[in-house]
C-alpha cells in the first residue's frame, strides 16, 4: 500500500482534541485520496486525447492532389505511431456514414483506430458544437475517474464553420475553462476558423504535408503532469492549515470541487 496513504490513515485514527477529530478525519482522508491518486494513476493513463474529425460534405474538396477527407485519414498514419500504449485515445467523426464515436475513449490500439476511420466517407453538415460536447463530456468523465490526475486534450480537424455556431462557441469556451486543452487544425480554409480565437492552439493546414505535420505534432504533445510525489514533510505542512477554520473549509471546498460535470451543467 502507498506509504503516504498509510501515514495519513494512521493520522486519521490517532486520538485528537475534542472538536478537532472529525475535521481532521475528513481533511486527511481527502488529502490521502488525492496523494494516492497522484501516485497511483501516474503509470496508467496520464494522457487522454480525443480527435474530432470533420467529415462534412466540404471535405470532398481537394487539398493539393487529394480530397481533404483522404488527406486527413492519411495524416493519422504517422501521427498514431507517436502515441504510446499508455495513452487513452478516442475518435469522433461526423460524416455521411459515421456520426459519433468511431473509437470510444479508452486504451490505444493503433490497428483498431485505423480500422475505425479508414472507411469514413465525407458528407453532410458541420455540427461541431454537438460533437465537441460529446468529446469533452467523455474527457471530463475520465478525469473524474482519475481523481483529476493527468492531461486531457481535444484535437479538432475541420475545414469549415460550424452549422451550430452558438453551441460551438459556448462549448469551446466552457471546455477550455474547465482545463481541457483545445487544439484546432483548419484544413484548406481561406480564412482562419472561428475556433482560432477560442482554442489553446490553432494551425492552418493548406496542403496534405502541413496537415500531416499538424496532426502528428498535436498527437505527439504529452504534457508532463508531474510525479505526484509527496513527503511526510509535505503532509505536515499541508495539515498545518487546521489552525484556521476558514482556511480549512476553503481548502476542503477546493479539493472536493472537480468541475467534471458535463458541459452545460453548473458545478
Foldseek 3Di string as FASTA:
>chain_A
DDPLLVVLVVVLPDDDPPPQNVLSNLLSVLVSVLLCLLQVCPPAAQAWEEEEEEQAQCQQDDQPPHRNLVLLLVLVVVLLVLDDQRHFYWYAYDAPPGHGTLGPGGGDDPVSVSVSRVPGHHHDFAAPLVRLLVQLLSQLVVCVVSLNGHAAEYEYEEADEHPPNVSNVQSLQLSVVLRYAYEYEHEQYPDDYPCCVRGPYYYYHRHSVSSSVRSNVVSNDGDDRDNSDDDVVNVVVVVVVSVPPVVSVVVSVVSVDNSSHRPPDDD
